[in-house]
Amino acid sequence: MDTLERAGTRTAGRTATGTRTATRTAAESARTAESARTAEAAQSTRTAGSALAADGGHQRAALLGDLRRLGVLPGEVLLVQASLRALGPVAGGPATVVGALLEALGGPERGTLVAYTATPENSDTSRLAARLTAGLSPAELTAHRDRLRAAYRPDGPCSPTMGALSEQIRTTPGALRSAHPQTSFAALGRYAAEVTAGHELTSHLGESSPLGRLYGLAAKVLMVGVPLSRFTAFHLADLRQGDPPRRRYGCVAEVAGRTDWVSFEAPDLDDLHFGALGEQVRREAHGIRAGRLGDAHCLLVPIVEAVDVATRVLRGSLAPH
């Protein structure tokens, strides 16, 4: 899941956003088309990937060369959204990929590497939560909630849906993690403390979250085998559209030194329209670079340009006609 409760936040209450609901079919079609292009790019390198698997996989030096050709530069702040399956076999696994990324950024003294380390399972208000608790008796539901509360740790692993690379970045020595119980980010390097500090509970993916700080730092986003329909930073553009609809969220969190279930209101997060939005941003943005990392088709996206274009596109689509 590239956003909080991907399956659980697409609610019927989005009528206030006008054309998003009306263009549901177009958004799904755009997402399908973009996924097909990603699969086609991966298919073109499958033979080479199979040969590499026999030799132990992609080497760090080769990955470093790919990153430099993509345009990753020393001193940059880089958010990575990655499918390691798309990247192909790597000698040394995710740790090798993290090493190559940090080296491309000039090391942790100069650059900053960031990953989304969300825990969408920590919820009682999402569709995912509904699936996990479907058919439970009241007593079983209480036991389920008690287990989640007992298991919660702010430094616990991110969701498996975030991917192995996100977890590798989170567990690399020196990494810092933002404090949100559902939509945390982990960061390594020069600006790690600035990126992860002060993640407000009611700002899942908004201006007072690490995403807002990444925008302020003019970060880039490296999409590794992942389409723009999953570009997390588009949420910033969504939340800049006037007064977004709000809804109730529930999760386990630490409040005043005590771990318990909490309930709060925050903007409703929706990514169903990201497929169509990504298509338009790709057409209009000039700074996006395409290339390859291992076997994976990649996009290197300047977050400021992408969010600004997306903000303009959404304002145009929501304007009265």
C-alpha atoms as a PDB file:
ATOM      1  CA  MET A   1       0.000   0.000   0.000  1.00  0.00           C
ATOM      2  CA  ASP A   2       1.589   3.330  -1.074  1.00  0.00           C
ATOM      3  CA  THR A   3      -1.020   5.354   0.981  1.00  0.00           C
ATOM      4  CA  LEU A   4      -2.792   5.006   4.297  1.00  0.00           C
ATOM      5  CA  GLU A   5      -5.465   2.269   4.211  1.00  0.00           C
ATOM      6  CA  ARG A   6      -5.438   2.150   0.392  1.00  0.00           C
ATOM      7  CA  ALA A   7      -8.385  -0.202   0.289  1.00  0.00           C
ATOM      8  CA  GLY A   8     -10.161   1.460   3.186  1.00  0.00           C
ATOM      9  CA  THR A   9     -10.262   5.151   2.380  1.00  0.00           C
ATOM     10  CA  ARG A  10     -12.230   5.118  -0.855  1.00  0.00           C
ATOM     11  CA  THR A  11     -15.588   6.126   0.608  1.00  0.00           C
ATOM     12  CA  ALA A  12     -18.860   7.206  -0.860  1.00  0.00           C
ATOM     13  CA  GLY A  13     -18.528  10.589   0.789  1.00  0.00           C
ATOM     14  CA  ARG A  14     -16.359  11.940  -2.021  1.00  0.00           C
ATOM     15  CA  THR A  15     -19.232  13.751  -3.716  1.00  0.00           C
ATOM     16  CA  ALA A  16     -17.709  17.016  -2.510  1.00  0.00           C
ATOM     17  CA  THR A  17     -14.850  16.424  -4.905  1.00  0.00           C
ATOM     18  CA  GLY A  18     -17.112  16.460  -7.946  1.00  0.00           C
ATOM     19  CA  THR A  19     -15.325  14.999 -10.911  1.00  0.00           C
ATOM     20  CA  ARG A  20     -13.311  12.378  -9.021  1.00  0.00           C
ATOM     21  CA  THR A  21     -16.340  10.163  -8.553  1.00  0.00           C
ATOM     22  CA  ALA A  22     -17.608  10.927 -12.048  1.00  0.00           C
ATOM     23  CA  THR A  23     -14.291   9.867 -13.581  1.00  0.00           C
ATOM     24  CA  ARG A  24     -13.842   6.625 -11.619  1.00  0.00           C
ATOM     25  CA  THR A  25     -13.769   4.499 -14.777  1.00  0.00           C
ATOM     26  CA  ALA A  26     -11.246   6.786 -16.467  1.00  0.00           C
ATOM     27  CA  ALA A  27      -9.009   6.687 -13.391  1.00  0.00           C
ATOM     28  CA  GLU A  28      -9.052   2.902 -13.273  1.00  0.00           C
ATOM     29  CA  SER A  29      -8.338   2.740 -17.013  1.00  0.00           C
ATOM     30  CA  ALA A  30      -5.384   5.080 -16.672  1.00  0.00           C
ATOM     31  CA  ARG A  31      -4.007   3.012 -13.809  1.00  0.00           C
ATOM     32  CA  THR A  32      -4.344  -0.158 -15.857  1.00  0.00           C
ATOM     33  CA  ALA A  33      -2.595   1.438 -18.835  1.00  0.00           C
ATOM     34  CA  GLU A  34       0.282   2.680 -16.698  1.00  0.00           C
ATOM     35  CA  SER A  35       0.699  -0.719 -15.046  1.00  0.00           C
ATOM     36  CA  ALA A  36       0.778  -2.316 -18.495  1.00  0.00           C
ATOM     37  CA  ARG A  37       3.598  -0.014 -19.575  1.00  0.00           C
ATOM     38  CA  THR A  38       5.557  -0.889 -16.445  1.00  0.00           C
ATOM     39  CA  ALA A  39       5.056  -4.610 -17.109  1.00  0.00           C
ATOM     40  CA  GLU A  40       6.167  -4.169 -20.715  1.00  0.00           C
ATOM     41  CA  ALA A  41       9.358  -2.432 -19.622  1.00  0.00           C
ATOM     42  CA  ALA A  42      10.109  -5.237 -17.163  1.00  0.00           C
ATOM     43  CA  GLN A  43       9.450  -7.860 -19.839  1.00  0.00           C
ATOM     44  CA  SER A  44      12.046  -6.284 -22.131  1.00  0.00           C
ATOM     45  CA  THR A  45      14.793  -7.042 -19.609  1.00  0.00           C
ATOM     46  CA  ARG A  46      13.579 -10.422 -18.340  1.00  0.00           C
ATOM     47  CA  THR A  47      16.163 -12.457 -20.213  1.00  0.00           C
ATOM     48  CA  ALA A  48      19.014 -10.388 -18.813  1.00  0.00           C
ATOM     49  CA  GLY A  49      17.504 -10.679 -15.333  1.00  0.00           C
ATOM     50  CA  SER A  50      17.375 -14.461 -15.572  1.00  0.00           C
ATOM     51  CA  ALA A  51      21.033 -14.578 -16.525  1.00  0.00           C
ATOM     52  CA  LEU A  52      21.897 -12.345 -13.582  1.00  0.00           C
ATOM     53  CA  ALA A  53      19.983 -14.632 -11.225  1.00  0.00           C
ATOM     54  CA  ALA A  54      22.321 -17.471 -12.183  1.00  0.00           C
ATOM     55  CA  ASP A  55      25.284 -15.236 -11.331  1.00  0.00           C
ATOM     56  CA  GLY A  56      23.896 -14.032  -7.993  1.00  0.00           C
ATOM     57  CA  GLY A  57      21.954 -10.996  -9.214  1.00  0.00           C
ATOM     58  CA  HIS A  58      22.630  -7.341  -9.874  1.00  0.00           C
ATOM     59  CA  GLN A  59      25.788  -6.019  -8.266  1.00  0.00           C
ATOM     60  CA  ARG A  60      26.047  -2.787  -6.257  1.00  0.00           C
ATOM     61  CA  ALA A  61      28.379  -1.158  -8.776  1.00  0.00           C
ATOM     62  CA  ALA A  62      25.933  -1.814 -11.607  1.00  0.00           C
ATOM     63  CA  LEU A  63      23.036  -0.397  -9.591  1.00  0.00           C
ATOM     64  CA  LEU A  64      25.103   2.667  -8.753  1.00  0.00           C
ATOM     65  CA  GLY A  65      25.748   3.225 -12.454  1.00  0.00           C
ATOM     66  CA  ASP A  66      22.028   2.949 -13.173  1.00  0.00           C
ATOM     67  CA  LEU A  67      21.213   5.493 -10.470  1.00  0.00           C
ATOM     68  CA  ARG A  68      23.738   7.971 -11.808  1.00  0.00           C
ATOM     69  CA  ARG A  69      22.384   7.589 -15.332  1.00  0.00           C
ATOM     70  CA  LEU A  70      18.898   8.247 -13.969  1.00  0.00           C
ATOM     71  CA  GLY A  71      20.168  11.522 -12.528  1.00  0.00           C
ATOM     72  CA  VAL A  72      20.398  10.800  -8.791  1.00  0.00           C
ATOM     73  CA  LEU A  73      22.941  13.312  -7.474  1.00  0.00           C
ATOM     74  CA  PRO A  74      25.062  13.670  -4.333  1.00  0.00           C
ATOM     75  CA  GLY A  75      23.482  15.858  -1.682  1.00  0.00           C
ATOM     76  CA  GLU A  76      19.885  15.284  -2.782  1.00  0.00           C
ATOM     77  CA  VAL A  77      16.922  14.253  -0.647  1.00  0.00           C
ATOM     78  CA  LEU A  78      15.368  11.142  -2.201  1.00  0.00           C
ATOM     79  CA  LEU A  79      12.113   9.370  -1.363  1.00  0.00           C
ATOM     80  CA  VAL A  80      12.088   5.865  -2.809  1.00  0.00           C
ATOM     81  CA  GLN A  81       8.941   3.913  -3.675  1.00  0.00           C
ATOM     82  CA  ALA A  82      10.110   0.548  -4.916  1.00  0.00           C
ATOM     83  CA  SER A  83       9.118  -2.910  -6.034  1.00  0.00           C
ATOM     84  CA  LEU A  84      12.183  -5.078  -5.514  1.00  0.00           C
ATOM     85  CA  ARG A  85      10.463  -7.805  -7.489  1.00  0.00           C
ATOM     86  CA  ALA A  86      10.488  -5.493 -10.507  1.00  0.00           C
ATOM     87  CA  LEU A  87      14.146  -4.642  -9.895  1.00  0.00           C
ATOM     88  CA  GLY A  88      15.099  -8.293 -10.218  1.00  0.00           C
ATOM     89  CA  PRO A  89      17.624 -10.414  -8.313  1.00  0.00           C
ATOM     90  CA  VAL A  90      20.230  -8.471  -6.373  1.00  0.00           C
ATOM     91  CA  ALA A  91      23.420  -9.878  -4.883  1.00  0.00           C
ATOM     92  CA  GLY A  92      23.092  -9.156  -1.170  1.00  0.00           C
ATOM     93  CA  GLY A  93      19.386  -8.327  -1.346  1.00  0.00           C
ATOM     94  CA  PRO A  94      17.772  -5.083  -0.132  1.00  0.00           C
ATOM     95  CA  ALA A  95      20.871  -4.033   1.826  1.00  0.00           C
ATOM     96  CA  THR A  96      22.809  -3.807  -1.440  1.00  0.00           C
ATOM     97  CA  VAL A  97      20.131  -1.560  -2.936  1.00  0.00           C
ATOM     98  CA  VAL A  98      20.217   0.742   0.098  1.00  0.00           C
ATOM     99  CA  GLY A  99      24.004   0.868  -0.127  1.00  0.00           C
ATOM    100  CA  ALA A 100      23.881   1.845  -3.793  1.00  0.00           C
ATOM    101  CA  LEU A 101      21.261   4.514  -3.116  1.00  0.00           C
ATOM    102  CA  LEU A 102      23.254   6.053  -0.286  1.00  0.00           C
ATOM    103  CA  GLU A 103      26.428   6.012  -2.358  1.00  0.00           C
ATOM    104  CA  ALA A 104      24.643   7.735  -5.248  1.00  0.00           C
ATOM    105  CA  LEU A 105      23.492  10.406  -2.793  1.00  0.00           C
ATOM    106  CA  GLY A 106      27.064  10.996  -1.627  1.00  0.00           C
ATOM    107  CA  GLY A 107      26.692   9.028   1.602  1.00  0.00           C
ATOM    108  CA  PRO A 108      24.599   9.875   4.679  1.00  0.00           C
ATOM    109  CA  GLU A 109      26.852  12.872   5.394  1.00  0.00           C
ATOM    110  CA  ARG A 110      25.621  14.608   2.225  1.00  0.00           C
ATOM    111  CA  GLY A 111      22.411  12.995   1.029  1.00  0.00           C
ATOM    112  CA  THR A 112      19.132  11.878   2.604  1.00  0.00           C
ATOM    113  CA  LEU A 113      17.280   8.638   1.796  1.00  0.00           C
ATOM    114  CA  VAL A 114      13.600   8.361   2.754  1.00  0.00           C
ATOM    115  CA  ALA A 115      11.003   5.559   2.675  1.00  0.00           C
ATOM    116  CA  TYR A 116       7.297   5.301   3.470  1.00  0.00           C
ATOM    117  CA  THR A 117       6.951   2.882   6.418  1.00  0.00           C
ATOM    118  CA  ALA A 118       3.213   2.892   7.020  1.00  0.00           C
ATOM    119  CA  THR A 119       1.239   0.408   9.125  1.00  0.00           C
ATOM    120  CA  PRO A 120      -2.273   0.409   7.630  1.00  0.00           C
ATOM    121  CA  GLU A 121      -3.229  -2.728   9.578  1.00  0.00           C
ATOM    122  CA  ASN A 122      -3.298  -0.518  12.686  1.00  0.00           C
ATOM    123  CA  SER A 123      -6.874   0.643  12.169  1.00  0.00           C
ATOM    124  CA  ASP A 124     -10.464  -0.060  13.098  1.00  0.00           C
ATOM    125  CA  THR A 125     -11.978   2.186  10.413  1.00  0.00           C
ATOM    126  CA  SER A 126     -10.602   0.877   7.123  1.00  0.00           C
ATOM    127  CA  ARG A 127     -11.849  -1.743   4.702  1.00  0.00           C
ATOM    128  CA  LEU A 128      -8.754  -3.730   5.578  1.00  0.00           C
ATOM    129  CA  ALA A 129      -9.851  -3.705   9.215  1.00  0.00           C
ATOM    130  CA  ALA A 130     -13.337  -4.729   8.142  1.00  0.00           C
ATOM    131  CA  ARG A 131     -11.935  -7.713   6.228  1.00  0.00           C
ATOM    132  CA  LEU A 132      -9.772  -8.763   9.161  1.00  0.00           C
ATOM    133  CA  THR A 133     -12.715  -8.682  11.554  1.00  0.00           C
ATOM    134  CA  ALA A 134     -15.515  -9.927   9.281  1.00  0.00           C
ATOM    135  CA  GLY A 135     -17.643 -12.561  11.006  1.00  0.00           C
ATOM    136  CA  LEU A 136     -16.103 -12.111  14.445  1.00  0.00           C
ATOM    137  CA  SER A 137     -18.351 -12.282  17.467  1.00  0.00           C
ATOM    138  CA  PRO A 138     -18.309  -9.359  19.921  1.00  0.00           C
ATOM    139  CA  ALA A 139     -15.997 -11.319  22.200  1.00  0.00           C
ATOM    140  CA  GLU A 140     -13.678 -12.211  19.307  1.00  0.00           C
ATOM    141  CA  LEU A 141     -13.635  -8.595  18.139  1.00  0.00           C
ATOM    142  CA  THR A 142     -12.648  -7.445  21.626  1.00  0.00           C
ATOM    143  CA  ALA A 143      -9.861 -10.038  21.702  1.00  0.00           C
ATOM    144  CA  HIS A 144      -8.660  -8.873  18.262  1.00  0.00           C
ATOM    145  CA  ARG A 145      -8.491  -5.254  19.402  1.00  0.00           C
ATOM    146  CA  ASP A 146      -6.677  -6.286  22.584  1.00  0.00           C
ATOM    147  CA  ARG A 147      -4.073  -8.185  20.517  1.00  0.00           C
ATOM    148  CA  LEU A 148      -3.446  -5.172  18.285  1.00  0.00           C
ATOM    149  CA  ARG A 149      -3.041  -2.921  21.306  1.00  0.00           C
ATOM    150  CA  ALA A 150      -0.637  -5.324  23.001  1.00  0.00           C
ATOM    151  CA  ALA A 151       1.420  -5.768  19.823  1.00  0.00           C
ATOM    152  CA  TYR A 152       1.781  -2.082  18.984  1.00  0.00           C
ATOM    153  CA  ARG A 153       5.292  -0.621  19.142  1.00  0.00           C
ATOM    154  CA  PRO A 154       6.282   2.755  17.654  1.00  0.00           C
ATOM    155  CA  ASP A 155       9.514   1.122  16.481  1.00  0.00           C
ATOM    156  CA  GLY A 156       7.810  -1.968  15.082  1.00  0.00           C
ATOM    157  CA  PRO A 157       8.089  -3.180  11.483  1.00  0.00           C
ATOM    158  CA  CYS A 158       6.269  -1.441   8.684  1.00  0.00           C
ATOM    159  CA  SER A 159       3.503  -3.218   6.826  1.00  0.00           C
ATOM    160  CA  PRO A 160       4.590  -5.945   4.388  1.00  0.00           C
ATOM    161  CA  THR A 161       2.626  -3.962   1.797  1.00  0.00           C
ATOM    162  CA  MET A 162       5.315  -1.255   1.980  1.00  0.00           C
ATOM    163  CA  GLY A 163       7.888  -3.623   0.508  1.00  0.00           C
ATOM    164  CA  ALA A 164      11.231  -5.016   1.597  1.00  0.00           C
ATOM    165  CA  LEU A 165      13.188  -1.893   0.690  1.00  0.00           C
ATOM    166  CA  SER A 166      11.170   0.320   3.034  1.00  0.00           C
ATOM    167  CA  GLU A 167      11.783  -2.099   5.887  1.00  0.00           C
ATOM    168  CA  GLN A 168      15.483  -2.271   5.030  1.00  0.00           C
ATOM    169  CA  ILE A 169      15.772   1.517   5.186  1.00  0.00           C
ATOM    170  CA  ARG A 170      13.854   1.604   8.478  1.00  0.00           C
ATOM    171  CA  THR A 171      16.184  -0.947  10.088  1.00  0.00           C
ATOM    172  CA  THR A 172      19.468   0.454   8.754  1.00  0.00           C
ATOM    173  CA  PRO A 173      21.593   1.783  11.632  1.00  0.00           C
ATOM    174  CA  GLY A 174      21.132   5.527  12.005  1.00  0.00           C
ATOM    175  CA  ALA A 175      17.640   5.624  10.507  1.00  0.00           C
ATOM    176  CA  LEU A 176      15.010   7.822  12.143  1.00  0.00           C
ATOM    177  CA  ARG A 177      11.258   7.322  11.916  1.00  0.00           C
ATOM    178  CA  SER A 178       8.365   9.743  12.227  1.00  0.00           C
ATOM    179  CA  ALA A 179       5.962   9.133  15.086  1.00  0.00           C
ATOM    180  CA  HIS A 180       2.649   8.654  13.265  1.00  0.00           C
ATOM    181  CA  PRO A 181       1.035   5.298  14.188  1.00  0.00           C
ATOM    182  CA  GLN A 182      -0.364   4.764  10.672  1.00  0.00           C
ATOM    183  CA  THR A 183       1.602   6.760   8.057  1.00  0.00           C
ATOM    184  CA  SER A 184       5.180   6.960   9.293  1.00  0.00           C
ATOM    185  CA  PHE A 185       8.285   7.651   7.195  1.00  0.00           C
ATOM    186  CA  ALA A 186      11.865   6.536   7.853  1.00  0.00           C
ATOM    187  CA  ALA A 187      14.917   8.531   6.815  1.00  0.00           C
ATOM    188  CA  LEU A 188      18.691   8.158   6.719  1.00  0.00           C
ATOM    189  CA  GLY A 189      21.264  10.883   6.306  1.00  0.00           C
ATOM    190  CA  ARG A 190      21.776  14.607   6.498  1.00  0.00           C
ATOM    191  CA  TYR A 191      18.176  15.808   6.802  1.00  0.00           C
ATOM    192  CA  ALA A 192      16.699  12.694   8.457  1.00  0.00           C
ATOM    193  CA  ALA A 193      15.837  14.498  11.680  1.00  0.00           C
ATOM    194  CA  GLU A 194      14.180  17.370   9.831  1.00  0.00           C
ATOM    195  CA  VAL A 195      12.124  15.027   7.643  1.00  0.00           C
ATOM    196  CA  THR A 196      10.839  12.824  10.474  1.00  0.00           C
ATOM    197  CA  ALA A 197      10.257  15.368  13.281  1.00  0.00           C
ATOM    198  CA  GLY A 198       6.825  16.384  14.511  1.00  0.00           C
ATOM    199  CA  HIS A 199       4.441  14.171  12.526  1.00  0.00           C
ATOM    200  CA  GLU A 200       1.022  15.304  13.760  1.00  0.00           C
ATOM    201  CA  LEU A 201      -1.653  12.649  14.295  1.00  0.00           C
ATOM    202  CA  THR A 202      -4.222  14.546  12.200  1.00  0.00           C
ATOM    203  CA  SER A 203      -1.772  15.153   9.323  1.00  0.00           C
ATOM    204  CA  HIS A 204      -1.355  11.673   7.877  1.00  0.00           C
ATOM    205  CA  LEU A 205       0.144  12.826   4.564  1.00  0.00           C
ATOM    206  CA  GLY A 206      -0.312  16.575   4.681  1.00  0.00           C
ATOM    207  CA  GLU A 207       1.753  19.710   5.176  1.00  0.00           C
ATOM    208  CA  SER A 208       2.658  18.806   8.775  1.00  0.00           C
ATOM    209  CA  SER A 209       3.893  15.361   7.758  1.00  0.00           C
ATOM    210  CA  PRO A 210       7.220  14.224   6.301  1.00  0.00           C
ATOM    211  CA  LEU A 211       5.676  14.700   2.848  1.00  0.00           C
ATOM    212  CA  GLY A 212       5.337  18.413   3.552  1.00  0.00           C
ATOM    213  CA  ARG A 213       8.976  18.537   4.641  1.00  0.00           C
ATOM    214  CA  LEU A 214      10.106  16.686   1.523  1.00  0.00           C
ATOM    215  CA  TYR A 215       8.324  19.302  -0.576  1.00  0.00           C
ATOM    216  CA  GLY A 216      10.057  22.048   1.397  1.00  0.00           C
ATOM    217  CA  LEU A 217      13.434  20.385   0.811  1.00  0.00           C
ATOM    218  CA  ALA A 218      12.756  20.081  -2.957  1.00  0.00           C
ATOM    219  CA  ALA A 219      13.210  16.323  -2.741  1.00  0.00           C
ATOM    220  CA  LYS A 220      12.975  13.914  -5.632  1.00  0.00           C
ATOM    221  CA  VAL A 221      10.972  10.695  -5.706  1.00  0.00           C
ATOM    222  CA  LEU A 222      12.406   7.567  -7.300  1.00  0.00           C
ATOM    223  CA  MET A 223       9.641   5.248  -8.510  1.00  0.00           C
ATOM    224  CA  VAL A 224      11.244   1.812  -9.004  1.00  0.00           C
ATOM    225  CA  GLY A 225       8.869  -0.453 -10.905  1.00  0.00           C
ATOM    226  CA  VAL A 226       5.963   1.487  -9.386  1.00  0.00           C
ATOM    227  CA  PRO A 227       3.531   3.569 -11.494  1.00  0.00           C
ATOM    228  CA  LEU A 228       2.579   7.174 -10.840  1.00  0.00           C
ATOM    229  CA  SER A 229      -0.865   5.965  -9.781  1.00  0.00           C
ATOM    230  CA  ARG A 230       0.903   5.192  -6.480  1.00  0.00           C
ATOM    231  CA  PHE A 231       2.766   8.495  -6.168  1.00  0.00           C
ATOM    232  CA  THR A 232       2.224   9.220  -2.475  1.00  0.00           C
ATOM    233  CA  ALA A 233       3.030  12.926  -2.718  1.00  0.00           C
ATOM    234  CA  PHE A 234      -0.117  13.544  -4.793  1.00  0.00           C
ATOM    235  CA  HIS A 235      -1.889  13.653  -1.439  1.00  0.00           C
ATOM    236  CA  LEU A 236      -0.313  17.068  -0.882  1.00  0.00           C
ATOM    237  CA  ALA A 237      -2.040  18.304  -4.030  1.00  0.00           C
ATOM    238  CA  ASP A 238      -5.342  16.810  -2.855  1.00  0.00           C
ATOM    239  CA  LEU A 239      -5.097  18.517   0.507  1.00  0.00           C
ATOM    240  CA  ARG A 240      -4.467  21.897  -1.140  1.00  0.00           C
ATOM    241  CA  GLN A 241      -7.928  21.876  -2.710  1.00  0.00           C
ATOM    242  CA  GLY A 242      -9.760  24.150  -0.306  1.00  0.00           C
ATOM    243  CA  ASP A 243     -11.496  22.364   2.562  1.00  0.00           C
ATOM    244  CA  PRO A 244     -11.152  18.599   2.000  1.00  0.00           C
ATOM    245  CA  PRO A 245     -13.795  16.278   3.469  1.00  0.00           C
ATOM    246  CA  ARG A 246     -12.947  14.758   6.837  1.00  0.00           C
ATOM    247  CA  ARG A 247     -13.730  11.468   8.489  1.00  0.00           C
ATOM    248  CA  ARG A 248     -13.083   9.512  11.668  1.00  0.00           C
ATOM    249  CA  TYR A 249      -9.964   7.380  12.053  1.00  0.00           C
ATOM    250  CA  GLY A 250      -9.188   4.878  14.784  1.00  0.00           C
ATOM    251  CA  CYS A 251      -5.866   3.233  15.649  1.00  0.00           C
ATOM    252  CA  VAL A 252      -3.585   2.205  18.492  1.00  0.00           C
ATOM    253  CA  ALA A 253      -1.182   4.962  19.528  1.00  0.00           C
ATOM    254  CA  GLU A 254       0.946   6.153  22.407  1.00  0.00           C
ATOM    255  CA  VAL A 255      -0.660   9.162  24.082  1.00  0.00           C
ATOM    256  CA  ALA A 256       0.823  10.661  27.240  1.00  0.00           C
ATOM    257  CA  GLY A 257       2.953   7.555  27.747  1.00  0.00           C
ATOM    258  CA  ARG A 258      -0.004   5.172  27.490  1.00  0.00           C
ATOM    259  CA  THR A 259      -0.746   2.791  24.625  1.00  0.00           C
ATOM    260  CA  ASP A 260      -4.423   2.558  23.753  1.00  0.00           C
ATOM    261  CA  TRP A 261      -6.978   2.893  20.982  1.00  0.00           C
ATOM    262  CA  VAL A 262      -7.552   6.495  19.940  1.00  0.00           C
ATOM    263  CA  SER A 263     -10.119   8.103  17.667  1.00  0.00           C
ATOM    264  CA  PHE A 264      -9.656  11.341  15.748  1.00  0.00           C
ATOM    265  CA  GLU A 265     -10.877  13.278  12.718  1.00  0.00           C
ATOM    266  CA  ALA A 266      -8.605  14.023   9.772  1.00  0.00           C
ATOM    267  CA  PRO A 267      -8.898  14.681   6.018  1.00  0.00           C
ATOM    268  CA  ASP A 268     -10.253  11.735   4.065  1.00  0.00           C
ATOM    269  CA  LEU A 269      -7.449  10.208   1.997  1.00  0.00           C
ATOM    270  CA  ASP A 270      -8.340   8.927  -1.460  1.00  0.00           C
ATOM    271  CA  ASP A 271      -6.032   7.794  -4.249  1.00  0.00           C
ATOM    272  CA  LEU A 272      -8.480   6.375  -6.782  1.00  0.00           C
ATOM    273  CA  HIS A 273      -7.959   9.357  -9.096  1.00  0.00           C
ATOM    274  CA  PHE A 274      -4.149   9.126  -8.964  1.00  0.00           C
ATOM    275  CA  GLY A 275      -3.986   7.056 -12.156  1.00  0.00           C
ATOM    276  CA  ALA A 276      -5.567   9.744 -14.309  1.00  0.00           C
ATOM    277  CA  LEU A 277      -3.742  12.470 -12.379  1.00  0.00           C
ATOM    278  CA  GLY A 278      -0.397  10.750 -12.924  1.00  0.00           C
ATOM    279  CA  GLU A 279      -1.029  10.516 -16.661  1.00  0.00           C
ATOM    280  CA  GLN A 280      -1.641  14.270 -16.868  1.00  0.00           C
ATOM    281  CA  VAL A 281       1.340  15.146 -14.663  1.00  0.00           C
ATOM    282  CA  ARG A 282       3.562  12.978 -16.849  1.00  0.00           C
ATOM    283  CA  ARG A 283       2.390  14.915 -19.923  1.00  0.00           C
ATOM    284  CA  GLU A 284       2.811  18.382 -18.404  1.00  0.00           C
ATOM    285  CA  ALA A 285       5.861  18.098 -16.126  1.00  0.00           C
ATOM    286  CA  HIS A 286       9.227  18.725 -17.758  1.00  0.00           C
ATOM    287  CA  GLY A 287      11.624  17.502 -15.066  1.00  0.00           C
ATOM    288  CA  ILE A 288      10.652  13.818 -14.881  1.00  0.00           C
ATOM    289  CA  ARG A 289      13.411  11.470 -16.014  1.00  0.00           C
ATOM    290  CA  ALA A 290      12.903   7.845 -17.062  1.00  0.00           C
ATOM    291  CA  GLY A 291      15.461   5.079 -16.900  1.00  0.00           C
ATOM    292  CA  ARG A 292      16.203   1.698 -15.421  1.00  0.00           C
ATOM    293  CA  LEU A 293      17.444   0.335 -12.120  1.00  0.00           C
ATOM    294  CA  GLY A 294      18.338  -3.296 -12.559  1.00  0.00           C
ATOM    295  CA  ASP A 295      15.402  -4.785 -14.441  1.00  0.00           C
ATOM    296  CA  ALA A 296      12.921  -2.155 -13.263  1.00  0.00           C
ATOM    297  CA  HIS A 297      11.519   0.737 -15.251  1.00  0.00           C
ATOM    298  CA  CYS A 298      11.997   3.869 -13.136  1.00  0.00           C
ATOM    299  CA  LEU A 299      10.880   7.471 -12.968  1.00  0.00           C
ATOM    300  CA  LEU A 300      12.847  10.145 -11.109  1.00  0.00           C
ATOM    301  CA  VAL A 301      10.298  12.814 -10.214  1.00  0.00           C
ATOM    302  CA  PRO A 302      10.943  16.287  -8.733  1.00  0.00           C
ATOM    303  CA  ILE A 303       8.373  16.447  -5.953  1.00  0.00           C
ATOM    304  CA  VAL A 304       7.804  20.220  -6.178  1.00  0.00           C
ATOM    305  CA  GLU A 305       7.036  20.181  -9.897  1.00  0.00           C
ATOM    306  CA  ALA A 306       4.857  17.063  -9.672  1.00  0.00           C
ATOM    307  CA  VAL A 307       2.807  18.374  -6.740  1.00  0.00           C
ATOM    308  CA  ASP A 308       2.460  21.843  -8.261  1.00  0.00           C
ATOM    309  CA  VAL A 309       1.269  20.456 -11.595  1.00  0.00           C
ATOM    310  CA  ALA A 310      -1.119  18.077  -9.808  1.00  0.00           C
ATOM    311  CA  THR A 311      -2.472  20.943  -7.691  1.00  0.00           C
ATOM    312  CA  ARG A 312      -3.159  22.993 -10.817  1.00  0.00           C
ATOM    313  CA  VAL A 313      -4.781  20.059 -12.597  1.00  0.00           C
ATOM    314  CA  LEU A 314      -7.076  19.306  -9.673  1.00  0.00           C
ATOM    315  CA  ARG A 315      -8.094  22.932  -9.264  1.00  0.00           C
ATOM    316  CA  GLY A 316      -8.997  23.047 -12.931  1.00  0.00           C
ATOM    317  CA  SER A 317     -11.045  19.865 -12.737  1.00  0.00           C
ATOM    318  CA  LEU A 318     -12.931  21.020  -9.655  1.00  0.00           C
ATOM    319  CA  ALA A 319     -13.601  24.558 -10.874  1.00  0.00           C
ATOM    320  CA  PRO A 320     -17.232  25.376 -11.741  1.00  0.00           C
ATOM    321  CA  HIS A 321     -18.012  25.243 -15.463  1.00  0.00           C
END
